Amino acid sequence: VATIGLGRALLSRLADSVPWVALNVNTHRPLFWFLAR
């Protein structure tokens, strides 16, 4: 299928040689945060 997850696609291409290509990019800033007590 087509996938939204470009990060996973890149890891798969690097680690497993799956020939994914990205055709559209939404952002260059991953939306993840370190939240702490």
Full PDB file with SEQRES, HELIX, SHEET, SSBOND, CRYST1, ORIGX, SCALE, CONECT and MASTER records, all heavy atoms in Angstrom:
SEQRES   1 A   37  VAL ALA THR ILE GLY LEU GLY ARG ALA LEU LEU SER ARG          
SEQRES   2 A   37  LEU ALA ASP SER VAL PRO TRP VAL ALA LEU ASN VAL ASN          
SEQRES   3 A   37  THR HIS ARG PRO LEU PHE TRP PHE LEU ALA ARG                  
HELIX    1 AA1 LEU A    6  ASP A   16  1                                  11    
CRYST1    1.000    1.000    1.000  90.00  90.00  90.00 P 1           1          
ORIGX1      1.000000  0.000000  0.000000        0.00000                         
ORIGX2      0.000000  1.000000  0.000000        0.00000                         
ORIGX3      0.000000  0.000000  1.000000        0.00000                         
SCALE1      1.000000  0.000000  0.000000        0.00000                         
SCALE2      0.000000  1.000000  0.000000        0.00000                         
SCALE3      0.000000  0.000000  1.000000        0.00000                         
ATOM      1  N   VAL A   1       0.849  -1.186   0.000  1.00  0.00           N  
ATOM      2  CA  VAL A   1       0.000   0.000   0.000  1.00  0.00           C  
ATOM      3  C   VAL A   1       0.887   1.240   0.000  1.00  0.00           C  
ATOM      4  O   VAL A   1       2.094   1.164   0.235  1.00  0.00           O  
ATOM      5  CB  VAL A   1      -0.938   0.029   1.232  1.00  0.00           C  
ATOM      6  CG1 VAL A   1      -1.786  -1.235   1.287  1.00  0.00           C  
ATOM      7  CG2 VAL A   1      -0.148   0.205   2.531  1.00  0.00           C  
ATOM      8  N   ALA A   2       0.294   2.390  -0.259  1.00  0.00           N  
ATOM      9  CA  ALA A   2       0.989   3.652  -0.021  1.00  0.00           C  
ATOM     10  C   ALA A   2       0.982   3.921   1.476  1.00  0.00           C  
ATOM     11  O   ALA A   2       0.064   3.524   2.190  1.00  0.00           O  
ATOM     12  CB  ALA A   2       0.294   4.783  -0.771  1.00  0.00           C  
ATOM     13  N   THR A   3       2.021   4.575   1.968  1.00  0.00           N  
ATOM     14  CA  THR A   3       2.117   4.822   3.405  1.00  0.00           C  
ATOM     15  C   THR A   3       2.396   6.293   3.691  1.00  0.00           C  
ATOM     16  O   THR A   3       3.058   6.975   2.892  1.00  0.00           O  
ATOM     17  CB  THR A   3       3.203   3.953   4.055  1.00  0.00           C  
ATOM     18  OG1 THR A   3       3.235   4.201   5.466  1.00  0.00           O  
ATOM     19  CG2 THR A   3       4.583   4.256   3.492  1.00  0.00           C  
ATOM     20  N   ILE A   4       1.903   6.740   4.826  1.00  0.00           N  
ATOM     21  CA  ILE A   4       2.184   8.100   5.295  1.00  0.00           C  
ATOM     22  C   ILE A   4       3.521   8.149   6.016  1.00  0.00           C  
ATOM     23  O   ILE A   4       4.198   9.164   6.034  1.00  0.00           O  
ATOM     24  CB  ILE A   4       1.042   8.576   6.214  1.00  0.00           C  
ATOM     25  CG1 ILE A   4      -0.261   8.706   5.416  1.00  0.00           C  
ATOM     26  CG2 ILE A   4       1.382   9.909   6.882  1.00  0.00           C  
ATOM     27  CD1 ILE A   4      -1.491   8.963   6.270  1.00  0.00           C  
ATOM     28  N   GLY A   5       3.925   7.033   6.616  1.00  0.00           N  
ATOM     29  CA  GLY A   5       5.082   7.009   7.502  1.00  0.00           C  
ATOM     30  C   GLY A   5       6.416   6.994   6.784  1.00  0.00           C  
ATOM     31  O   GLY A   5       7.003   5.932   6.539  1.00  0.00           O  
ATOM     32  N   LEU A   6       6.962   8.154   6.483  1.00  0.00           N  
ATOM     33  CA  LEU A   6       8.229   8.227   5.765  1.00  0.00           C  
ATOM     34  C   LEU A   6       9.402   7.788   6.628  1.00  0.00           C  
ATOM     35  O   LEU A   6      10.385   7.246   6.121  1.00  0.00           O  
ATOM     36  CB  LEU A   6       8.481   9.656   5.263  1.00  0.00           C  
ATOM     37  CG  LEU A   6       7.410  10.299   4.386  1.00  0.00           C  
ATOM     38  CD1 LEU A   6       7.952  11.580   3.767  1.00  0.00           C  
ATOM     39  CD2 LEU A   6       6.908   9.351   3.318  1.00  0.00           C  
ATOM     40  N   GLY A   7       9.315   8.027   7.947  1.00  0.00           N  
ATOM     41  CA  GLY A   7      10.394   7.585   8.821  1.00  0.00           C  
ATOM     42  C   GLY A   7      10.533   6.082   8.811  1.00  0.00           C  
ATOM     43  O   GLY A   7      11.640   5.543   8.660  1.00  0.00           O  
ATOM     44  N   ARG A   8       9.420   5.380   8.953  1.00  0.00           N  
ATOM     45  CA  ARG A   8       9.467   3.920   8.911  1.00  0.00           C  
ATOM     46  C   ARG A   8       9.942   3.435   7.550  1.00  0.00           C  
ATOM     47  O   ARG A   8      10.707   2.468   7.458  1.00  0.00           O  
ATOM     48  CB  ARG A   8       8.094   3.345   9.250  1.00  0.00           C  
ATOM     49  CG  ARG A   8       8.048   1.828   9.207  1.00  0.00           C  
ATOM     50  CD  ARG A   8       6.767   1.271   9.773  1.00  0.00           C  
ATOM     51  NE  ARG A   8       6.643  -0.154   9.494  1.00  0.00           N  
ATOM     52  CZ  ARG A   8       5.631  -0.914   9.907  1.00  0.00           C  
ATOM     53  NH1 ARG A   8       4.666  -0.395  10.643  1.00  0.00           N  
ATOM     54  NH2 ARG A   8       5.595  -2.201   9.603  1.00  0.00           N  
ATOM     55  N   ALA A   9       9.496   4.106   6.488  1.00  0.00           N  
ATOM     56  CA  ALA A   9       9.926   3.710   5.149  1.00  0.00           C  
ATOM     57  C   ALA A   9      11.435   3.872   4.989  1.00  0.00           C  
ATOM     58  O   ALA A   9      12.111   3.008   4.411  1.00  0.00           O  
ATOM     59  CB  ALA A   9       9.183   4.521   4.096  1.00  0.00           C  
ATOM     60  N   LEU A  10      11.985   4.969   5.509  1.00  0.00           N  
ATOM     61  CA  LEU A  10      13.429   5.177   5.405  1.00  0.00           C  
ATOM     62  C   LEU A  10      14.187   4.121   6.194  1.00  0.00           C  
ATOM     63  O   LEU A  10      15.185   3.564   5.703  1.00  0.00           O  
ATOM     64  CB  LEU A  10      13.795   6.570   5.910  1.00  0.00           C  
ATOM     65  CG  LEU A  10      15.300   6.872   5.935  1.00  0.00           C  
ATOM     66  CD1 LEU A  10      15.904   6.794   4.538  1.00  0.00           C  
ATOM     67  CD2 LEU A  10      15.564   8.238   6.564  1.00  0.00           C  
ATOM     68  N   LEU A  11      13.745   3.818   7.412  1.00  0.00           N  
ATOM     69  CA  LEU A  11      14.416   2.778   8.197  1.00  0.00           C  
ATOM     70  C   LEU A  11      14.381   1.441   7.463  1.00  0.00           C  
ATOM     71  O   LEU A  11      15.374   0.700   7.433  1.00  0.00           O  
ATOM     72  CB  LEU A  11      13.756   2.635   9.571  1.00  0.00           C  
ATOM     73  CG  LEU A  11      14.404   3.424  10.721  1.00  0.00           C  
ATOM     74  CD1 LEU A  11      14.277   4.933  10.496  1.00  0.00           C  
ATOM     75  CD2 LEU A  11      13.781   3.055  12.062  1.00  0.00           C  
ATOM     76  N   SER A  12      13.252   1.137   6.837  1.00  0.00           N  
ATOM     77  CA  SER A  12      13.121  -0.113   6.098  1.00  0.00           C  
ATOM     78  C   SER A  12      14.054  -0.141   4.896  1.00  0.00           C  
ATOM     79  O   SER A  12      14.650  -1.180   4.576  1.00  0.00           O  
ATOM     80  CB  SER A  12      11.660  -0.288   5.651  1.00  0.00           C  
ATOM     81  OG  SER A  12      11.494  -1.465   4.912  1.00  0.00           O  
ATOM     82  N   ARG A  13      14.204   0.998   4.234  1.00  0.00           N  
ATOM     83  CA  ARG A  13      15.099   1.030   3.076  1.00  0.00           C  
ATOM     84  C   ARG A  13      16.550   0.866   3.509  1.00  0.00           C  
ATOM     85  O   ARG A  13      17.321   0.126   2.879  1.00  0.00           O  
ATOM     86  CB  ARG A  13      14.921   2.340   2.309  1.00  0.00           C  
ATOM     87  CG  ARG A  13      15.853   2.452   1.110  1.00  0.00           C  
ATOM     88  CD  ARG A  13      15.305   3.221  -0.045  1.00  0.00           C  
ATOM     89  NE  ARG A  13      16.185   3.095  -1.206  1.00  0.00           N  
ATOM     90  CZ  ARG A  13      15.939   3.621  -2.388  1.00  0.00           C  
ATOM     91  NH1 ARG A  13      14.834   4.302  -2.605  1.00  0.00           N  
ATOM     92  NH2 ARG A  13      16.786   3.457  -3.390  1.00  0.00           N  
ATOM     93  N   LEU A  14      16.947   1.516   4.594  1.00  0.00           N  
ATOM     94  CA  LEU A  14      18.330   1.443   5.050  1.00  0.00           C  
ATOM     95  C   LEU A  14      18.670   0.071   5.640  1.00  0.00           C  
ATOM     96  O   LEU A  14      19.738  -0.487   5.372  1.00  0.00           O  
ATOM     97  CB  LEU A  14      18.599   2.537   6.084  1.00  0.00           C  
ATOM     98  CG  LEU A  14      18.644   3.972   5.558  1.00  0.00           C  
ATOM     99  CD1 LEU A  14      18.698   4.953   6.720  1.00  0.00           C  
ATOM    100  CD2 LEU A  14      19.833   4.178   4.636  1.00  0.00           C  
ATOM    101  N   ALA A  15      17.773  -0.451   6.473  1.00  0.00           N  
ATOM    102  CA  ALA A  15      18.077  -1.682   7.205  1.00  0.00           C  
ATOM    103  C   ALA A  15      17.780  -2.944   6.405  1.00  0.00           C  
ATOM    104  O   ALA A  15      18.455  -3.967   6.592  1.00  0.00           O  
ATOM    105  CB  ALA A  15      17.302  -1.705   8.520  1.00  0.00           C  
ATOM    106  N   ASP A  16      16.768  -2.868   5.518  1.00  0.00           N  
ATOM    107  CA  ASP A  16      16.313  -4.086   4.837  1.00  0.00           C  
ATOM    108  C   ASP A  16      16.332  -3.970   3.324  1.00  0.00           C  
ATOM    109  O   ASP A  16      15.852  -4.882   2.627  1.00  0.00           O  
ATOM    110  CB  ASP A  16      14.890  -4.421   5.302  1.00  0.00           C  
ATOM    111  CG  ASP A  16      14.810  -4.593   6.813  1.00  0.00           C  
ATOM    112  OD1 ASP A  16      15.653  -5.330   7.361  1.00  0.00           O  
ATOM    113  OD2 ASP A  16      13.923  -3.983   7.445  1.00  0.00           O  
ATOM    114  N   SER A  17      16.816  -2.848   2.794  1.00  0.00           N  
ATOM    115  CA  SER A  17      16.940  -2.638   1.345  1.00  0.00           C  
ATOM    116  C   SER A  17      15.604  -2.681   0.619  1.00  0.00           C  
ATOM    117  O   SER A  17      15.545  -3.003  -0.578  1.00  0.00           O  
ATOM    118  CB  SER A  17      17.898  -3.677   0.729  1.00  0.00           C  
ATOM    119  OG  SER A  17      19.180  -3.563   1.301  1.00  0.00           O  
ATOM    120  N   VAL A  18      14.512  -2.361   1.315  1.00  0.00           N  
ATOM    121  CA  VAL A  18      13.209  -2.246   0.650  1.00  0.00           C  
ATOM    122  C   VAL A  18      13.199  -0.907  -0.103  1.00  0.00           C  
ATOM    123  O   VAL A  18      13.441   0.142   0.497  1.00  0.00           O  
ATOM    124  CB  VAL A  18      12.057  -2.306   1.662  1.00  0.00           C  
ATOM    125  CG1 VAL A  18      10.722  -2.103   0.955  1.00  0.00           C  
ATOM    126  CG2 VAL A  18      12.080  -3.641   2.400  1.00  0.00           C  
ATOM    127  N   PRO A  19      12.913  -0.886  -1.403  1.00  0.00           N  
ATOM    128  CA  PRO A  19      13.153   0.310  -2.220  1.00  0.00           C  
ATOM    129  C   PRO A  19      12.077   1.402  -2.124  1.00  0.00           C  
ATOM    130  O   PRO A  19      11.619   1.940  -3.146  1.00  0.00           O  
ATOM    131  CB  PRO A  19      13.238  -0.256  -3.632  1.00  0.00           C  
ATOM    132  CG  PRO A  19      12.336  -1.438  -3.617  1.00  0.00           C  
ATOM    133  CD  PRO A  19      12.509  -2.044  -2.243  1.00  0.00           C  
ATOM    134  N   TRP A  20      11.671   1.732  -0.907  1.00  0.00           N  
ATOM    135  CA  TRP A  20      10.681   2.799  -0.725  1.00  0.00           C  
ATOM    136  C   TRP A  20      11.170   4.110  -1.338  1.00  0.00           C  
ATOM    137  O   TRP A  20      12.363   4.427  -1.287  1.00  0.00           O  
ATOM    138  CB  TRP A  20      10.447   3.038   0.756  1.00  0.00           C  
ATOM    139  CG  TRP A  20       9.691   1.987   1.487  1.00  0.00           C  
ATOM    140  CD1 TRP A  20      10.209   1.005   2.282  1.00  0.00           C  
ATOM    141  CD2 TRP A  20       8.267   1.809   1.514  1.00  0.00           C  
ATOM    142  NE1 TRP A  20       9.192   0.218   2.807  1.00  0.00           N  
ATOM    143  CE2 TRP A  20       7.995   0.701   2.344  1.00  0.00           C  
ATOM    144  CE3 TRP A  20       7.203   2.478   0.913  1.00  0.00           C  
ATOM    145  CZ2 TRP A  20       6.706   0.247   2.598  1.00  0.00           C  
ATOM    146  CZ3 TRP A  20       5.922   2.031   1.163  1.00  0.00           C  
ATOM    147  CH2 TRP A  20       5.676   0.929   1.990  1.00  0.00           C  
ATOM    148  N   VAL A  21      10.239   4.896  -1.865  1.00  0.00           N  
ATOM    149  CA  VAL A  21      10.522   6.269  -2.278  1.00  0.00           C  
ATOM    150  C   VAL A  21       9.409   7.169  -1.746  1.00  0.00           C  
ATOM    151  O   VAL A  21       8.240   6.778  -1.699  1.00  0.00           O  
ATOM    152  CB  VAL A  21      10.633   6.415  -3.815  1.00  0.00           C  
ATOM    153  CG1 VAL A  21      11.868   5.685  -4.315  1.00  0.00           C  
ATOM    154  CG2 VAL A  21       9.384   5.925  -4.515  1.00  0.00           C  
ATOM    155  N   ALA A  22       9.801   8.361  -1.315  1.00  0.00           N  
ATOM    156  CA  ALA A  22       8.852   9.341  -0.785  1.00  0.00           C  
ATOM    157  C   ALA A  22       8.470  10.319  -1.886  1.00  0.00           C  
ATOM    158  O   ALA A  22       9.340  10.837  -2.598  1.00  0.00           O  
ATOM    159  CB  ALA A  22       9.466  10.084   0.385  1.00  0.00           C  
ATOM    160  N   LEU A  23       7.174  10.565  -2.031  1.00  0.00           N  
ATOM    161  CA  LEU A  23       6.662  11.414  -3.107  1.00  0.00           C  
ATOM    162  C   LEU A  23       6.106  12.739  -2.606  1.00  0.00           C  
ATOM    163  O   LEU A  23       5.815  13.626  -3.403  1.00  0.00           O  
ATOM    164  CB  LEU A  23       5.568  10.666  -3.873  1.00  0.00           C  
ATOM    165  CG  LEU A  23       5.950   9.278  -4.387  1.00  0.00           C  
ATOM    166  CD1 LEU A  23       4.760   8.625  -5.071  1.00  0.00           C  
ATOM    167  CD2 LEU A  23       7.149   9.359  -5.328  1.00  0.00           C  
ATOM    168  N   ASN A  24       5.915  12.851  -1.316  1.00  0.00           N  
ATOM    169  CA  ASN A  24       5.378  14.071  -0.729  1.00  0.00           C  
ATOM    170  C   ASN A  24       5.828  14.131   0.719  1.00  0.00           C  
ATOM    171  O   ASN A  24       5.918  13.101   1.385  1.00  0.00           O  
ATOM    172  CB  ASN A  24       3.843  14.075  -0.795  1.00  0.00           C  
ATOM    173  CG  ASN A  24       3.244  15.441  -0.548  1.00  0.00           C  
ATOM    174  OD1 ASN A  24       3.521  16.378  -1.290  1.00  0.00           O  
ATOM    175  ND2 ASN A  24       2.436  15.582   0.479  1.00  0.00           N  
ATOM    176  N   VAL A  25       6.132  15.325   1.204  1.00  0.00           N  
ATOM    177  CA  VAL A  25       6.608  15.513   2.572  1.00  0.00           C  
ATOM    178  C   VAL A  25       5.764  16.584   3.250  1.00  0.00           C  
ATOM    179  O   VAL A  25       5.573  17.675   2.700  1.00  0.00           O  
ATOM    180  CB  VAL A  25       8.094  15.927   2.596  1.00  0.00           C  
ATOM    181  CG1 VAL A  25       8.517  16.383   3.986  1.00  0.00           C  
ATOM    182  CG2 VAL A  25       8.971  14.788   2.122  1.00  0.00           C  
ATOM    183  N   ASN A  26       5.262  16.267   4.438  1.00  0.00           N  
ATOM    184  CA  ASN A  26       4.417  17.217   5.160  1.00  0.00           C  
ATOM    185  C   ASN A  26       5.206  18.179   6.039  1.00  0.00           C  
ATOM    186  O   ASN A  26       4.841  19.341   6.184  1.00  0.00           O  
ATOM    187  CB  ASN A  26       3.404  16.480   6.033  1.00  0.00           C  
ATOM    188  CG  ASN A  26       2.447  15.632   5.232  1.00  0.00           C  
ATOM    189  OD1 ASN A  26       2.294  15.833   4.023  1.00  0.00           O  
ATOM    190  ND2 ASN A  26       1.806  14.672   5.877  1.00  0.00           N  
ATOM    191  N   THR A  27       6.253  17.675   6.701  1.00  0.00           N  
ATOM    192  CA  THR A  27       7.024  18.505   7.615  1.00  0.00           C  
ATOM    193  C   THR A  27       8.416  17.917   7.769  1.00  0.00           C  
ATOM    194  O   THR A  27       8.647  16.739   7.481  1.00  0.00           O  
ATOM    195  CB  THR A  27       6.343  18.605   8.999  1.00  0.00           C  
ATOM    196  OG1 THR A  27       7.118  19.453   9.861  1.00  0.00           O  
ATOM    197  CG2 THR A  27       6.179  17.250   9.650  1.00  0.00           C  
ATOM    198  N   HIS A  28       9.352  18.735   8.217  1.00  0.00           N  
ATOM    199  CA  HIS A  28      10.701  18.288   8.527  1.00  0.00           C  
ATOM    200  C   HIS A  28      10.931  18.219  10.034  1.00  0.00           C  
ATOM    201  O   HIS A  28      12.061  17.977  10.472  1.00  0.00           O  
ATOM    202  CB  HIS A  28      11.727  19.231   7.893  1.00  0.00           C  
ATOM    203  CG  HIS A  28      11.728  19.212   6.395  1.00  0.00           C  
ATOM    204  ND1 HIS A  28      10.670  19.652   5.631  1.00  0.00           N  
ATOM    205  CD2 HIS A  28      12.679  18.803   5.500  1.00  0.00           C  
ATOM    206  CE1 HIS A  28      10.961  19.513   4.342  1.00  0.00           C  
ATOM    207  NE2 HIS A  28      12.174  19.006   4.235  1.00  0.00           N  
ATOM    208  N   ARG A  29       9.884  18.428  10.814  1.00  0.00           N  
ATOM    209  CA  ARG A  29      10.020  18.487  12.273  1.00  0.00           C  
ATOM    210  C   ARG A  29       9.118  17.442  12.927  1.00  0.00           C  
ATOM    211  O   ARG A  29       7.904  17.644  13.051  1.00  0.00           O  
ATOM    212  CB  ARG A  29       9.621  19.876  12.775  1.00  0.00           C  
ATOM    213  CG  ARG A  29      10.376  21.021  12.110  1.00  0.00           C  
ATOM    214  CD  ARG A  29      11.517  21.482  12.953  1.00  0.00           C  
ATOM    215  NE  ARG A  29      12.178  22.643  12.375  1.00  0.00           N  
ATOM    216  CZ  ARG A  29      12.916  23.509  13.059  1.00  0.00           C  
ATOM    217  NH1 ARG A  29      13.058  23.337  14.363  1.00  0.00           N  
ATOM    218  NH2 ARG A  29      13.497  24.519  12.470  1.00  0.00           N  
ATOM    219  N   PRO A  30       9.676  16.306  13.326  1.00  0.00           N  
ATOM    220  CA  PRO A  30       8.845  15.243  13.918  1.00  0.00           C  
ATOM    221  C   PRO A  30       8.096  15.727  15.162  1.00  0.00           C  
ATOM    222  O   PRO A  30       8.672  16.362  16.045  1.00  0.00           O  
ATOM    223  CB  PRO A  30       9.873  14.162  14.285  1.00  0.00           C  
ATOM    224  CG  PRO A  30      11.058  14.436  13.414  1.00  0.00           C  
ATOM    225  CD  PRO A  30      11.098  15.925  13.232  1.00  0.00           C  
ATOM    226  N   LEU A  31       6.807  15.408  15.223  1.00  0.00           N  
ATOM    227  CA  LEU A  31       5.959  15.861  16.328  1.00  0.00           C  
ATOM    228  C   LEU A  31       5.994  14.857  17.477  1.00  0.00           C  
ATOM    229  O   LEU A  31       5.039  14.125  17.736  1.00  0.00           O  
ATOM    230  CB  LEU A  31       4.525  16.085  15.837  1.00  0.00           C  
ATOM    231  CG  LEU A  31       4.324  17.238  14.857  1.00  0.00           C  
ATOM    232  CD1 LEU A  31       2.859  17.329  14.435  1.00  0.00           C  
ATOM    233  CD2 LEU A  31       4.780  18.566  15.454  1.00  0.00           C  
ATOM    234  N   PHE A  32       7.134  14.845  18.183  1.00  0.00           N  
ATOM    235  CA  PHE A  32       7.302  14.048  19.386  1.00  0.00           C  
ATOM    236  C   PHE A  32       7.998  14.893  20.446  1.00  0.00           C  
ATOM    237  O   PHE A  32       8.863  15.713  20.107  1.00  0.00           O  
ATOM    238  CB  PHE A  32       8.132  12.780  19.104  1.00  0.00           C  
ATOM    239  CG  PHE A  32       7.490  11.843  18.130  1.00  0.00           C  
ATOM    240  CD1 PHE A  32       7.775  11.920  16.775  1.00  0.00           C  
ATOM    241  CD2 PHE A  32       6.574  10.895  18.564  1.00  0.00           C  
ATOM    242  CE1 PHE A  32       7.172  11.070  15.868  1.00  0.00           C  
ATOM    243  CE2 PHE A  32       5.957  10.034  17.656  1.00  0.00           C  
ATOM    244  CZ  PHE A  32       6.256  10.125  16.311  1.00  0.00           C  
ATOM    245  N   TRP A  33       7.610  14.665  21.699  1.00  0.00           N  
ATOM    246  CA  TRP A  33       8.121  15.477  22.793  1.00  0.00           C  
ATOM    247  C   TRP A  33       8.552  14.588  23.965  1.00  0.00           C  
ATOM    248  O   TRP A  33       7.946  13.542  24.219  1.00  0.00           O  
ATOM    249  CB  TRP A  33       7.049  16.440  23.307  1.00  0.00           C  
ATOM    250  CG  TRP A  33       6.585  17.447  22.323  1.00  0.00           C  
ATOM    251  CD1 TRP A  33       6.980  18.755  22.219  1.00  0.00           C  
ATOM    252  CD2 TRP A  33       5.590  17.288  21.292  1.00  0.00           C  
ATOM    253  NE1 TRP A  33       6.317  19.395  21.199  1.00  0.00           N  
ATOM    254  CE2 TRP A  33       5.455  18.515  20.610  1.00  0.00           C  
ATOM    255  CE3 TRP A  33       4.809  16.203  20.888  1.00  0.00           C  
ATOM    256  CZ2 TRP A  33       4.569  18.697  19.551  1.00  0.00           C  
ATOM    257  CZ3 TRP A  33       3.933  16.371  19.824  1.00  0.00           C  
ATOM    258  CH2 TRP A  33       3.825  17.606  19.173  1.00  0.00           C  
ATOM    259  N   PHE A  34       9.550  15.041  24.717  1.00  0.00           N  
ATOM    260  CA  PHE A  34       9.924  14.412  25.980  1.00  0.00           C  
ATOM    261  C   PHE A  34       9.177  15.149  27.097  1.00  0.00           C  
ATOM    262  O   PHE A  34       9.446  16.324  27.366  1.00  0.00           O  
ATOM    263  CB  PHE A  34      11.429  14.506  26.203  1.00  0.00           C  
ATOM    264  CG  PHE A  34      12.245  13.661  25.276  1.00  0.00           C  
ATOM    265  CD1 PHE A  34      12.668  14.168  24.044  1.00  0.00           C  
ATOM    266  CD2 PHE A  34      12.613  12.369  25.625  1.00  0.00           C  
ATOM    267  CE1 PHE A  34      13.439  13.397  23.185  1.00  0.00           C  
ATOM    268  CE2 PHE A  34      13.383  11.589  24.770  1.00  0.00           C  
ATOM    269  CZ  PHE A  34      13.786  12.103  23.555  1.00  0.00           C  
ATOM    270  N   LEU A  35       8.241  14.457  27.707  1.00  0.00           N  
ATOM    271  CA  LEU A  35       7.399  15.020  28.765  1.00  0.00           C  
ATOM    272  C   LEU A  35       7.816  14.385  30.090  1.00  0.00           C  
ATOM    273  O   LEU A  35       7.927  13.153  30.171  1.00  0.00           O  
ATOM    274  CB  LEU A  35       5.936  14.715  28.457  1.00  0.00           C  
ATOM    275  CG  LEU A  35       4.854  15.260  29.383  1.00  0.00           C  
ATOM    276  CD1 LEU A  35       4.859  16.780  29.390  1.00  0.00           C  
ATOM    277  CD2 LEU A  35       3.484  14.731  28.942  1.00  0.00           C  
ATOM    278  N   ALA A  36       8.046  15.201  31.136  1.00  0.00           N  
ATOM    279  CA  ALA A  36       8.605  14.673  32.380  1.00  0.00           C  
ATOM    280  C   ALA A  36       7.851  15.174  33.608  1.00  0.00           C  
ATOM    281  O   ALA A  36       7.291  16.277  33.621  1.00  0.00           O  
ATOM    282  CB  ALA A  36      10.083  15.063  32.504  1.00  0.00           C  
ATOM    283  N   ARG A  37       7.879  14.345  34.646  1.00  0.00           N  
ATOM    284  CA  ARG A  37       7.409  14.729  35.962  1.00  0.00           C  
ATOM    285  C   ARG A  37       8.355  15.776  36.566  1.00  0.00           C  
ATOM    286  O   ARG A  37       9.464  15.988  36.070  1.00  0.00           O  
ATOM    287  CB  ARG A  37       7.383  13.506  36.897  1.00  0.00           C  
ATOM    288  CG  ARG A  37       6.245  12.525  36.612  1.00  0.00           C  
ATOM    289  CD  ARG A  37       6.398  11.268  37.452  1.00  0.00           C  
ATOM    290  NE  ARG A  37       6.583  11.560  38.867  1.00  0.00           N  
ATOM    291  CZ  ARG A  37       5.591  11.837  39.719  1.00  0.00           C  
ATOM    292  NH1 ARG A  37       4.343  11.836  39.282  1.00  0.00           N  
ATOM    293  NH2 ARG A  37       5.829  12.088  40.984  1.00  0.00           N  
TER     294      ARG A  37                                                      
MASTER        0    0    0    1    0    0    0    6  293    1    0    3          
END                                                                             
